[in-house]
N, C-alpha and C. Protein backbone atom coordinates (compact mmCIF):
# COMPACT_ATOMS: atom_id res chain seq x y z
N MET A 1 5.12 7.48 2.24
CA MET A 1 5.81 6.39 1.66
C MET A 1 4.91 5.70 0.65
N GLU A 2 5.52 5.04 -0.31
CA GLU A 2 4.77 4.34 -1.35
C GLU A 2 4.50 2.90 -0.91
N VAL A 3 3.26 2.47 -1.10
CA VAL A 3 2.87 1.10 -0.77
C VAL A 3 2.24 0.48 -2.01
N LYS A 4 2.74 -0.69 -2.40
CA LYS A 4 2.17 -1.45 -3.52
C LYS A 4 1.60 -2.74 -2.95
N ILE A 5 0.35 -3.03 -3.32
CA ILE A 5 -0.32 -4.23 -2.83
C ILE A 5 -0.75 -5.05 -4.02
N GLY A 6 -0.24 -6.27 -4.10
CA GLY A 6 -0.67 -7.21 -5.13
C GLY A 6 -1.88 -7.97 -4.61
N VAL A 7 -2.92 -8.04 -5.44
CA VAL A 7 -4.15 -8.71 -5.05
C VAL A 7 -4.37 -9.90 -5.97
N GLN A 8 -4.65 -11.06 -5.38
CA GLN A 8 -4.89 -12.26 -6.18
C GLN A 8 -6.09 -12.04 -7.09
N TYR A 9 -6.00 -12.56 -8.31
CA TYR A 9 -7.05 -12.50 -9.32
C TYR A 9 -7.35 -11.09 -9.80
N ALA A 10 -6.48 -10.15 -9.53
CA ALA A 10 -6.63 -8.77 -10.02
C ALA A 10 -5.48 -8.50 -10.99
N PRO A 11 -5.78 -7.93 -12.15
CA PRO A 11 -4.72 -7.72 -13.14
C PRO A 11 -3.71 -6.63 -12.78
N ARG A 12 -4.09 -5.72 -11.89
CA ARG A 12 -3.19 -4.62 -11.53
C ARG A 12 -3.00 -4.57 -10.03
N GLU A 13 -1.87 -4.02 -9.64
CA GLU A 13 -1.61 -3.85 -8.21
C GLU A 13 -2.18 -2.52 -7.74
N ILE A 14 -2.40 -2.41 -6.45
CA ILE A 14 -2.87 -1.16 -5.84
C ILE A 14 -1.64 -0.39 -5.39
N VAL A 15 -1.52 0.86 -5.82
CA VAL A 15 -0.39 1.71 -5.44
C VAL A 15 -0.95 2.94 -4.75
N LEU A 16 -0.42 3.25 -3.56
CA LEU A 16 -0.87 4.43 -2.85
C LEU A 16 0.29 5.07 -2.11
N GLU A 17 0.18 6.35 -1.90
CA GLU A 17 1.13 7.11 -1.10
C GLU A 17 0.50 7.29 0.27
N SER A 18 1.20 6.89 1.31
CA SER A 18 0.65 6.94 2.65
C SER A 18 1.56 7.72 3.59
N ALA A 19 0.95 8.42 4.53
CA ALA A 19 1.72 9.15 5.53
C ALA A 19 2.05 8.24 6.72
N GLN A 20 1.53 7.01 6.71
CA GLN A 20 1.82 6.07 7.77
C GLN A 20 3.28 5.65 7.71
N THR A 21 3.84 5.32 8.84
CA THR A 21 5.24 4.88 8.89
C THR A 21 5.34 3.45 8.37
N PRO A 22 6.53 3.04 7.92
CA PRO A 22 6.70 1.65 7.48
C PRO A 22 6.34 0.64 8.58
N GLU A 23 6.62 0.99 9.82
CA GLU A 23 6.30 0.09 10.93
C GLU A 23 4.79 -0.07 11.09
N GLU A 24 4.03 1.02 10.93
CA GLU A 24 2.58 0.95 11.04
C GLU A 24 1.99 0.09 9.93
N VAL A 25 2.49 0.27 8.71
CA VAL A 25 1.99 -0.51 7.58
C VAL A 25 2.35 -1.98 7.77
N GLU A 26 3.57 -2.25 8.18
CA GLU A 26 4.00 -3.63 8.40
C GLU A 26 3.16 -4.31 9.48
N LYS A 27 2.84 -3.59 10.53
CA LYS A 27 2.02 -4.14 11.61
C LYS A 27 0.61 -4.45 11.10
N ALA A 28 0.03 -3.55 10.29
CA ALA A 28 -1.31 -3.76 9.74
C ALA A 28 -1.33 -4.98 8.82
N VAL A 29 -0.28 -5.14 8.01
CA VAL A 29 -0.19 -6.29 7.10
C VAL A 29 -0.04 -7.58 7.91
N ALA A 30 0.81 -7.56 8.92
CA ALA A 30 1.03 -8.75 9.75
C ALA A 30 -0.26 -9.17 10.45
N GLU A 31 -1.03 -8.21 10.96
CA GLU A 31 -2.29 -8.52 11.62
C GLU A 31 -3.30 -9.12 10.64
N ALA A 32 -3.34 -8.58 9.43
CA ALA A 32 -4.26 -9.11 8.42
C ALA A 32 -3.87 -10.52 8.01
N LEU A 33 -2.59 -10.76 7.80
CA LEU A 33 -2.15 -12.08 7.35
C LEU A 33 -2.21 -13.13 8.46
N SER A 34 -2.11 -12.70 9.72
CA SER A 34 -2.17 -13.66 10.83
C SER A 34 -3.60 -14.04 11.18
N GLY A 35 -4.57 -13.32 10.64
CA GLY A 35 -5.97 -13.64 10.91
C GLY A 35 -6.60 -12.81 12.01
N LYS A 36 -5.85 -11.86 12.57
CA LYS A 36 -6.42 -11.01 13.62
C LYS A 36 -7.51 -10.10 13.07
N THR A 37 -7.35 -9.68 11.82
CA THR A 37 -8.37 -8.88 11.14
C THR A 37 -8.64 -9.51 9.77
N GLU A 38 -9.84 -9.30 9.24
CA GLU A 38 -10.20 -9.87 7.95
C GLU A 38 -9.81 -8.95 6.79
N LEU A 39 -9.55 -7.68 7.10
CA LEU A 39 -9.22 -6.70 6.06
C LEU A 39 -7.92 -5.99 6.38
N LEU A 40 -7.13 -5.73 5.33
CA LEU A 40 -5.99 -4.83 5.45
C LEU A 40 -6.52 -3.43 5.19
N SER A 41 -6.36 -2.55 6.15
CA SER A 41 -6.89 -1.20 6.06
C SER A 41 -5.74 -0.20 6.12
N LEU A 42 -5.57 0.59 5.05
CA LEU A 42 -4.55 1.63 5.00
C LEU A 42 -5.19 2.94 4.57
N VAL A 43 -4.59 4.05 4.98
CA VAL A 43 -5.09 5.38 4.62
C VAL A 43 -4.05 6.07 3.75
N ASP A 44 -4.49 6.63 2.60
CA ASP A 44 -3.54 7.30 1.73
C ASP A 44 -3.38 8.77 2.11
N ASP A 45 -2.55 9.49 1.36
CA ASP A 45 -2.25 10.90 1.66
C ASP A 45 -3.46 11.81 1.54
N HIS A 46 -4.48 11.39 0.78
CA HIS A 46 -5.67 12.21 0.59
C HIS A 46 -6.76 11.88 1.59
N GLY A 47 -6.47 11.00 2.54
CA GLY A 47 -7.44 10.64 3.56
C GLY A 47 -8.38 9.51 3.16
N ARG A 48 -8.18 8.94 1.98
CA ARG A 48 -9.03 7.83 1.54
C ARG A 48 -8.56 6.54 2.18
N LYS A 49 -9.50 5.71 2.56
CA LYS A 49 -9.17 4.43 3.18
C LYS A 49 -9.21 3.34 2.11
N VAL A 50 -8.16 2.52 2.07
CA VAL A 50 -8.06 1.41 1.14
C VAL A 50 -8.22 0.13 1.95
N LEU A 51 -9.20 -0.70 1.55
CA LEU A 51 -9.47 -1.95 2.24
C LEU A 51 -9.23 -3.11 1.28
N VAL A 52 -8.45 -4.10 1.72
CA VAL A 52 -8.16 -5.27 0.90
C VAL A 52 -8.44 -6.51 1.75
N PRO A 53 -9.23 -7.46 1.23
CA PRO A 53 -9.46 -8.69 1.99
C PRO A 53 -8.14 -9.40 2.26
N ALA A 54 -7.92 -9.80 3.50
CA ALA A 54 -6.64 -10.39 3.89
C ALA A 54 -6.34 -11.67 3.13
N ASP A 55 -7.37 -12.44 2.80
CA ASP A 55 -7.13 -13.70 2.10
C ASP A 55 -6.83 -13.53 0.61
N ARG A 56 -6.88 -12.29 0.11
CA ARG A 56 -6.59 -12.02 -1.30
C ARG A 56 -5.25 -11.30 -1.51
N ILE A 57 -4.53 -11.03 -0.43
CA ILE A 57 -3.25 -10.33 -0.55
C ILE A 57 -2.20 -11.28 -1.12
N ALA A 58 -1.59 -10.88 -2.23
CA ALA A 58 -0.52 -11.67 -2.83
C ALA A 58 0.84 -11.20 -2.30
N TYR A 59 1.04 -9.88 -2.24
CA TYR A 59 2.28 -9.31 -1.72
C TYR A 59 2.06 -7.85 -1.35
N VAL A 60 2.94 -7.33 -0.51
CA VAL A 60 2.93 -5.92 -0.14
C VAL A 60 4.37 -5.43 -0.25
N GLU A 61 4.56 -4.36 -1.00
CA GLU A 61 5.89 -3.79 -1.20
C GLU A 61 5.92 -2.39 -0.61
N LEU A 62 6.87 -2.14 0.27
CA LEU A 62 7.02 -0.83 0.91
C LEU A 62 8.23 -0.14 0.30
N GLY A 63 8.07 1.15 0.00
CA GLY A 63 9.17 1.88 -0.60
C GLY A 63 9.10 3.36 -0.28
N GLU A 64 10.09 4.05 -0.73
CA GLU A 64 10.14 5.50 -0.55
C GLU A 64 9.28 6.17 -1.61
N PRO A 65 8.73 7.34 -1.31
CA PRO A 65 7.94 8.05 -2.32
C PRO A 65 8.81 8.49 -3.48
N THR A 66 8.25 8.44 -4.67
CA THR A 66 8.99 8.88 -5.84
C THR A 66 8.73 10.36 -6.06
N ALA A 67 9.79 11.10 -6.30
CA ALA A 67 9.66 12.53 -6.55
C ALA A 67 9.18 12.73 -7.98
N ARG A 68 8.16 13.54 -8.12
CA ARG A 68 7.63 13.80 -9.45
C ARG A 68 8.44 14.92 -10.09
N LYS A 69 8.82 14.68 -11.33
CA LYS A 69 9.58 15.68 -12.05
C LYS A 69 8.65 16.68 -12.70
N VAL A 70 9.07 17.93 -12.67
CA VAL A 70 8.28 18.98 -13.25
C VAL A 70 9.10 19.64 -14.32
N GLY A 71 8.49 19.89 -15.46
CA GLY A 71 9.19 20.56 -16.54
C GLY A 71 9.53 19.62 -17.69
N PHE A 72 10.23 20.18 -18.68
CA PHE A 72 10.53 19.44 -19.88
C PHE A 72 12.03 19.38 -20.13
N SER A 73 12.84 19.55 -19.12
CA SER A 73 14.29 19.55 -19.32
C SER A 73 14.79 18.14 -19.55
N ALA A 74 15.88 18.04 -20.30
CA ALA A 74 16.50 16.75 -20.54
C ALA A 74 17.39 16.38 -19.35
N VAL A 75 17.20 15.21 -18.84
CA VAL A 75 17.98 14.79 -17.69
C VAL A 75 18.87 13.63 -18.08
């Protein structure tokens, strides 16, 4: 699934594709925002860990993965 994270004072959002379920991501965000953890920690499809300080999270958007188009056909 696609996860977009807006970070305060950063000009661009963080976008990653994650194999985690929406419920797992939502739980991690809720724990970070409630103060249980100081960092939001997510793992992307390539196994890389993304860490965002909880006090800098502006928003988190959960969505479906976008299918990449291959080829040069007119759609």
